[in-house]
Structures are given as structure tokens and as C-alpha cells.
Amino acid sequence: MQSPRLVATDLDGTALRSDGTVSPRTAAAFALVENAGATLVFVTGRPPRWMSMVAGAVRRRGLAICANGALVYDLHSEQIVKSHLIHPDVLEEVVRRLREKVPDLAFSVEYEGGFAHESDFRLGRWDSKTVVGRRVGTDALTSRPCAKLLALHPRMDPDILHEAVYGLVGDLVTPTHSSGRALIEMSAHGVTKASALAHLAMTLGVVAEEVVAFGDMPNDLPMLRWAGTSYAVANAHPEVLAAVDHVTAANNDDGVAGVLEELYKGDGLRDPHEGIP
């Protein structure tokens, strides 16, 4: 069986350990992909500002699809090379509709070059470690195009909140979620991990049947459904586990690495430790 020409993997909860690190085994598996001449693409909800540590695992080579498909990021130059943004008039209408029907929501936005949030938006673990972003009012928050609009509720179940948000603004933006918090991530209408990955694959002359994809949360579903072969890690959301072709070990057990080792072990690669005393 021919090895996939393109590997697309989510990061948090999938290829990364729960502490956000790349294990040595996973880093070595990423190198197997690259050494085989295949393309490795990180496809993540993360903004580019969270990519520096992960980029080191692939020696800052290649591209990453960030913000659930809204941004394509060059890991070497640390530059955004393609973007699909939500326009201010759409942002204003989305926030207006949600505020009217879902009390207690707080909002933040990921711009191409920064982050801003309302004063009552509770920062997640990565942003709370450092002083990041600007605290602004709603008018300022929606005054310029952004890659991703985020809405956080202090109490609701994430799946129930997602259903409500989709029903209210699904005609304007693409809502999804990727964490245990009631945090909904919204991209421009029609923009998903799948749309960005499909476009990138086309530019490389790769078809869906030649792609293997890995994920764990609902924001991965479009990509997993598009790829020729799909894997969920064992710790994935139930909806993801039900949608994929295969299930591998959990993220903390290097499930993605285990599959990549099997897929690329027959490519006749030289052991990187061979000849080293």
C-alpha cells in the first residue's frame, strides 16, 4: 500500500500531549513523513502566535493552517500567506444577534496580527500565562476584520451552546468548538479546516484519497470527512469517534505517532541513528 502523500493533523488534544508539548516520539514520526517526501500540515484552531513551539518540531519548515482554516501560516518566515477574514459589518451583526438571544456571552477576536477581548472574557490557559491582548469594548472589538470571533459562556454545555449559536448566526459565519469550555469559535462563512486543506492540497497536486487526517474535536470534522483516510485519537469527542475510519491511541499515548510509524515504516528510510557510535 502506498503511503499517503499528505498528512494533516490537528494539534491540541491530538498530536500534542495534554501539556501542549510535542513528545520525542511524535517529533521523530513527523520527521518520517518529511523524509519520505510527503507533506506534513498542521491544521489547527490555534492562532499563529501560538505556533512557535510546535514549529520547532519540524525545524520551522512547511505551512500550517491556523484559526480553523482562516489563516495559512509559513512556519519558516513566520508570516501569514493567505487569509479569509470576517468583515466588520458581519461581526457587528453576529454579536448583536447572539447578545440578544444568549445572555452572559463574552467575546474576543483573533486578528491577523493580534488578539483583543472584552473585559469579562475569561482567558484560557495559554493566554492567561502572559499578559496578552487588549481589553476593549464591543464597538472596538468589531471595528476591523478578524480571522476568528470567539464567544464564551460561563455555564452552558459546549455542544448545546454550539447548536444555539449555529441556529442564530450560521447563515453569517461558520461556528464550531474545540475545547471543554463553552467556547464557540466562528470563522468567515464557509471557512473550515477542510476548505483550507483542500485548497492547499490542490496547489500541491494532491487529491483527497492521498491524504490521511487526524483529529479529536468537532472543529476537525470537516477535515476528517474530506480526507481519504481519517483517524481519531481515543480521547476524541464522541461525535468525532463516530465519524472516522479508524481510532488510534490517545494523544498522551502518542497515537498519531503510532500510525505514522506504521504508514511510513516501509518506505526504505535510513535509521537516523544508523552509523552513530
Protein backbone atom coordinates (compact mmCIF):
# COMPACT_ATOMS: atom_id res chain seq x y z
CA MET A 1 0.00 0.00 0.00
CA GLN A 2 1.35 3.41 -0.97
CA SER A 3 1.97 5.83 1.88
CA PRO A 4 -0.14 9.00 1.96
CA ARG A 5 1.27 11.98 0.08
CA LEU A 6 -0.08 14.42 2.67
CA VAL A 7 -0.56 14.12 6.43
CA ALA A 8 -2.89 16.64 8.05
CA THR A 9 -3.03 16.69 11.82
CA ASP A 10 -4.73 18.72 14.47
CA LEU A 11 -2.50 19.73 17.37
CA ASP A 12 -4.12 20.22 20.78
CA GLY A 13 -5.67 17.02 22.07
CA THR A 14 -4.47 15.11 19.00
CA ALA A 15 -0.75 15.24 18.11
CA LEU A 16 0.30 17.17 21.22
CA ARG A 17 0.40 15.90 24.77
CA SER A 18 -2.12 17.44 27.15
CA ASP A 19 0.56 19.80 28.46
CA GLY A 20 0.94 21.21 24.93
CA THR A 21 4.31 19.60 24.20
CA VAL A 22 5.48 17.54 21.23
CA SER A 23 6.83 14.24 22.53
CA PRO A 24 10.17 12.99 21.18
CA ARG A 25 8.37 10.05 19.56
CA THR A 26 5.92 12.34 17.78
CA ALA A 27 8.71 14.65 16.61
CA ALA A 28 10.51 11.61 15.16
CA ALA A 29 7.30 10.48 13.44
CA PHE A 30 6.90 13.91 11.86
CA ALA A 31 10.44 13.54 10.51
CA LEU A 32 9.48 10.18 8.97
CA VAL A 33 6.78 11.90 6.96
CA GLU A 34 9.12 14.59 5.74
CA ASN A 35 11.94 12.16 4.94
CA ALA A 36 9.55 10.07 2.86
CA GLY A 37 8.88 13.06 0.63
CA ALA A 38 5.31 13.53 1.90
CA THR A 39 3.85 16.82 3.07
CA LEU A 40 3.05 17.40 6.75
CA VAL A 41 0.49 20.09 7.52
CA PHE A 42 -0.62 21.21 10.97
CA VAL A 43 -4.31 22.07 10.77
CA THR A 44 -5.30 23.78 13.99
CA GLY A 45 -7.63 26.15 15.72
CA ARG A 46 -4.57 27.84 17.19
CA PRO A 47 -3.67 31.35 16.05
CA PRO A 48 -0.20 31.85 14.55
CA ARG A 49 1.02 33.45 17.79
CA TRP A 50 0.75 30.01 19.45
CA MET A 51 2.79 28.18 16.77
CA SER A 52 6.39 28.92 17.70
CA MET A 53 6.98 25.90 19.92
CA VAL A 54 5.32 23.48 17.51
CA ALA A 55 7.25 24.90 14.55
CA GLY A 56 10.48 23.82 16.21
CA ALA A 57 9.40 20.19 15.97
CA VAL A 58 9.55 20.39 12.17
CA ARG A 59 12.61 22.65 12.05
CA ARG A 60 10.38 25.59 11.05
CA ARG A 61 9.63 24.14 7.63
CA GLY A 62 6.31 23.96 5.83
CA LEU A 63 2.91 25.51 6.27
CA ALA A 64 0.29 25.45 8.99
CA ILE A 65 -3.42 26.07 8.60
CA CYS A 66 -4.41 28.14 11.62
CA ALA A 67 -7.59 29.56 13.16
CA ASN A 68 -9.72 26.69 11.81
CA GLY A 69 -8.83 27.45 8.19
CA ALA A 70 -8.90 31.25 8.27
CA LEU A 71 -5.12 31.70 8.08
CA VAL A 72 -2.33 29.87 6.25
CA TYR A 73 0.96 30.42 8.06
CA ASP A 74 4.52 29.92 6.80
CA LEU A 75 6.42 28.32 9.69
CA HIS A 76 9.83 29.41 8.35
CA SER A 77 9.16 33.06 7.66
CA GLU A 78 6.56 33.30 10.46
CA GLN A 79 4.30 35.15 8.05
CA ILE A 80 0.64 34.76 7.15
CA VAL A 81 0.48 33.91 3.45
CA LYS A 82 -3.29 33.60 2.99
CA SER A 83 -6.28 34.80 4.99
CA HIS A 84 -10.08 34.58 4.98
CA LEU A 85 -11.43 37.21 7.34
CA ILE A 86 -14.79 38.13 8.85
CA HIS A 87 -15.72 41.67 7.86
CA PRO A 88 -16.73 44.24 10.48
CA ASP A 89 -20.36 44.53 9.35
CA VAL A 90 -20.76 40.76 9.73
CA LEU A 91 -19.06 40.84 13.13
CA GLU A 92 -21.42 43.52 14.36
CA GLU A 93 -24.50 41.60 13.24
CA VAL A 94 -23.27 38.31 14.73
CA VAL A 95 -22.55 39.88 18.10
CA ARG A 96 -25.89 41.72 18.05
CA ARG A 97 -27.89 38.54 17.36
CA LEU A 98 -26.05 36.49 19.96
CA ARG A 99 -26.25 39.15 22.66
CA GLU A 100 -29.98 39.43 22.10
CA LYS A 101 -30.70 35.70 22.44
CA VAL A 102 -27.89 34.23 24.60
CA PRO A 103 -27.30 36.25 27.79
CA ASP A 104 -23.91 36.32 29.54
CA LEU A 105 -21.77 35.76 26.46
CA ALA A 106 -18.36 37.45 26.39
CA PHE A 107 -16.45 37.96 23.14
CA SER A 108 -12.88 38.03 21.88
CA VAL A 109 -11.32 38.19 18.43
CA GLU A 110 -8.20 36.90 16.72
CA TYR A 111 -6.91 39.42 14.18
CA GLU A 112 -4.21 38.65 11.64
CA GLY A 113 -1.71 40.32 13.94
CA GLY A 114 -3.11 40.26 17.45
CA PHE A 115 -5.83 39.47 19.93
CA ALA A 116 -8.44 41.55 21.73
CA HIS A 117 -11.11 40.69 24.26
CA GLU A 118 -13.88 42.18 26.33
CA SER A 119 -13.13 42.73 29.99
CA ASP A 120 -15.34 39.85 31.16
CA PHE A 121 -13.89 37.33 28.68
CA ARG A 122 -12.11 34.71 30.79
CA LEU A 123 -8.78 33.90 29.16
CA GLY A 124 -7.80 30.27 28.54
CA ARG A 125 -4.72 28.59 29.93
CA TRP A 126 -2.33 29.69 27.18
CA ASP A 127 -3.25 33.36 27.16
CA SER A 128 -3.67 33.57 30.94
CA LYS A 129 0.01 32.69 31.42
CA THR A 130 1.07 36.00 29.93
CA VAL A 131 -0.36 39.48 29.62
CA VAL A 132 -1.77 39.23 26.13
CA GLY A 133 -4.25 41.08 24.01
CA ARG A 134 -6.11 44.32 24.54
CA ARG A 135 -9.20 44.78 26.66
CA VAL A 136 -11.67 46.69 24.53
CA GLY A 137 -15.35 47.47 24.29
CA THR A 138 -17.65 45.71 21.83
CA ASP A 139 -17.56 48.54 19.29
CA ALA A 140 -13.77 48.45 19.11
CA LEU A 141 -13.78 44.65 19.04
CA THR A 142 -15.84 44.53 15.86
CA SER A 143 -14.32 47.56 14.13
CA ARG A 144 -11.82 45.68 11.93
CA PRO A 145 -11.71 42.38 10.02
CA CYS A 146 -10.70 39.34 12.06
CA ALA A 147 -9.78 35.72 11.49
CA LYS A 148 -11.89 34.32 14.30
CA LEU A 149 -14.62 35.55 16.62
CA LEU A 150 -14.91 33.70 19.93
CA ALA A 151 -17.93 33.63 22.24
CA LEU A 152 -17.61 32.29 25.78
CA HIS A 153 -20.46 31.38 28.14
CA PRO A 154 -19.75 30.83 31.84
CA ARG A 155 -22.09 27.86 32.33
CA MET A 156 -23.59 26.27 29.21
CA ASP A 157 -22.68 22.86 27.84
CA PRO A 158 -20.40 23.37 24.79
CA ASP A 159 -22.49 21.18 22.46
CA ILE A 160 -25.74 22.90 23.46
CA LEU A 161 -24.16 26.33 23.05
CA HIS A 162 -22.82 25.38 19.63
CA GLU A 163 -26.27 24.28 18.50
CA ALA A 164 -27.76 27.58 19.67
CA VAL A 165 -25.07 29.69 18.01
CA TYR A 166 -25.34 27.77 14.75
CA GLY A 167 -29.08 28.33 14.66
CA LEU A 168 -28.71 32.06 15.30
CA VAL A 169 -25.75 33.02 13.10
CA GLY A 170 -24.91 30.01 10.93
CA ASP A 171 -26.00 31.98 7.88
CA LEU A 172 -23.28 34.58 8.55
CA VAL A 173 -20.31 32.65 9.97
CA THR A 174 -19.11 29.07 10.49
CA PRO A 175 -19.33 28.19 14.20
CA THR A 176 -17.51 25.25 15.78
CA HIS A 177 -15.85 24.33 19.07
CA SER A 178 -12.69 22.56 20.13
CA SER A 179 -12.37 22.61 23.92
CA GLY A 180 -14.15 21.50 27.08
CA ARG A 181 -15.20 25.07 27.76
CA ALA A 182 -18.38 26.63 26.42
CA LEU A 183 -16.27 28.48 23.87
CA ILE A 184 -17.57 28.82 20.33
CA GLU A 185 -15.12 29.71 17.56
CA MET A 186 -16.51 31.42 14.47
CA SER A 187 -14.79 31.79 11.09
CA ALA A 188 -15.97 33.50 7.92
CA HIS A 189 -18.92 31.75 6.32
CA GLY A 190 -17.81 28.55 4.58
CA VAL A 191 -14.29 28.64 6.03
CA THR A 192 -13.27 25.40 7.74
CA LYS A 193 -10.20 23.27 8.22
CA ALA A 194 -11.40 21.26 5.21
CA SER A 195 -11.80 24.22 2.87
CA ALA A 196 -8.27 25.46 3.56
CA LEU A 197 -6.74 21.98 3.41
CA ALA A 198 -8.50 21.13 0.15
CA HIS A 199 -7.17 24.32 -1.45
CA LEU A 200 -3.64 23.65 -0.23
CA ALA A 201 -3.77 20.05 -1.44
CA MET A 202 -4.95 21.20 -4.86
CA THR A 203 -1.98 23.56 -5.19
CA LEU A 204 0.29 20.58 -4.43
CA GLY A 205 -1.45 18.29 -6.90
CA VAL A 206 -2.71 16.04 -4.10
CA VAL A 207 -6.23 14.60 -4.09
CA ALA A 208 -8.29 13.74 -1.01
CA GLU A 209 -7.67 9.98 -1.45
CA GLU A 210 -3.94 10.63 -0.92
CA VAL A 211 -4.49 12.41 2.42
CA VAL A 212 -4.60 11.00 5.95
CA ALA A 213 -6.01 13.27 8.66
CA PHE A 214 -6.04 13.16 12.47
CA GLY A 215 -8.32 14.98 14.90
CA ASP A 216 -10.19 14.95 18.18
CA MET A 217 -12.86 17.67 18.32
CA PRO A 218 -15.87 18.92 16.32
CA ASN A 219 -13.79 21.59 14.57
CA ASP A 220 -11.87 18.70 12.96
CA LEU A 221 -14.95 17.02 11.48
CA PRO A 222 -14.96 18.80 8.08
CA MET A 223 -11.29 17.89 7.55
CA LEU A 224 -11.78 14.30 8.70
CA ARG A 225 -14.76 13.85 6.39
CA TRP A 226 -12.85 15.32 3.43
CA ALA A 227 -9.65 13.29 3.79
CA GLY A 228 -9.34 9.91 2.11
CA THR A 229 -8.40 8.29 5.43
CA SER A 230 -9.36 9.65 8.84
CA TYR A 231 -8.23 8.86 12.37
CA ALA A 232 -9.46 9.99 15.76
CA VAL A 233 -7.40 9.68 18.90
CA ALA A 234 -9.01 7.62 21.66
CA ASN A 235 -9.70 10.71 23.78
CA ALA A 236 -11.72 12.36 21.00
CA HIS A 237 -15.20 13.85 21.23
CA PRO A 238 -17.93 11.18 20.74
CA GLU A 239 -19.10 12.80 17.50
CA VAL A 240 -15.58 12.54 16.11
CA LEU A 241 -15.15 8.93 17.19
CA ALA A 242 -18.35 8.08 15.35
CA ALA A 243 -17.31 9.83 12.13
CA VAL A 244 -13.82 8.50 11.40
CA ASP A 245 -12.45 5.46 9.59
CA HIS A 246 -10.07 4.47 12.40
CA VAL A 247 -9.32 5.17 16.06
CA THR A 248 -5.76 5.26 17.38
CA ALA A 249 -4.32 5.62 20.87
CA ALA A 250 -4.89 8.76 22.93
CA ASN A 251 -2.84 11.92 22.47
CA ASN A 252 -0.88 11.27 25.68
CA ASP A 253 -0.01 7.80 24.35
CA ASP A 254 1.36 9.14 21.04
CA GLY A 255 -1.50 7.78 18.95
CA VAL A 256 -0.68 9.90 15.91
CA ALA A 257 2.97 8.86 16.04
CA GLY A 258 2.00 5.19 16.19
CA VAL A 259 0.00 5.45 12.96
CA LEU A 260 2.68 7.44 11.16
CA GLU A 261 5.32 4.87 12.12
CA GLU A 262 3.19 2.15 10.51
CA LEU A 263 2.37 4.18 7.41
CA TYR A 264 5.96 5.15 6.64
CA LYS A 265 7.96 2.21 8.02
CA GLY A 266 8.08 0.51 4.61
CA ASP A 267 9.47 3.49 2.73
CA GLY A 268 13.05 2.24 2.93
CA LEU A 269 14.20 5.07 5.12
CA ARG A 270 17.58 5.01 6.72
CA ASP A 271 17.53 4.77 10.51
CA PRO A 272 18.61 8.25 11.69
CA HIS A 273 20.78 6.62 14.35
CA GLU A 274 22.49 4.22 11.94
CA GLY A 275 26.25 4.64 11.95
CA ILE A 276 26.23 6.77 15.09
CA PRO A 277 28.51 5.19 17.70
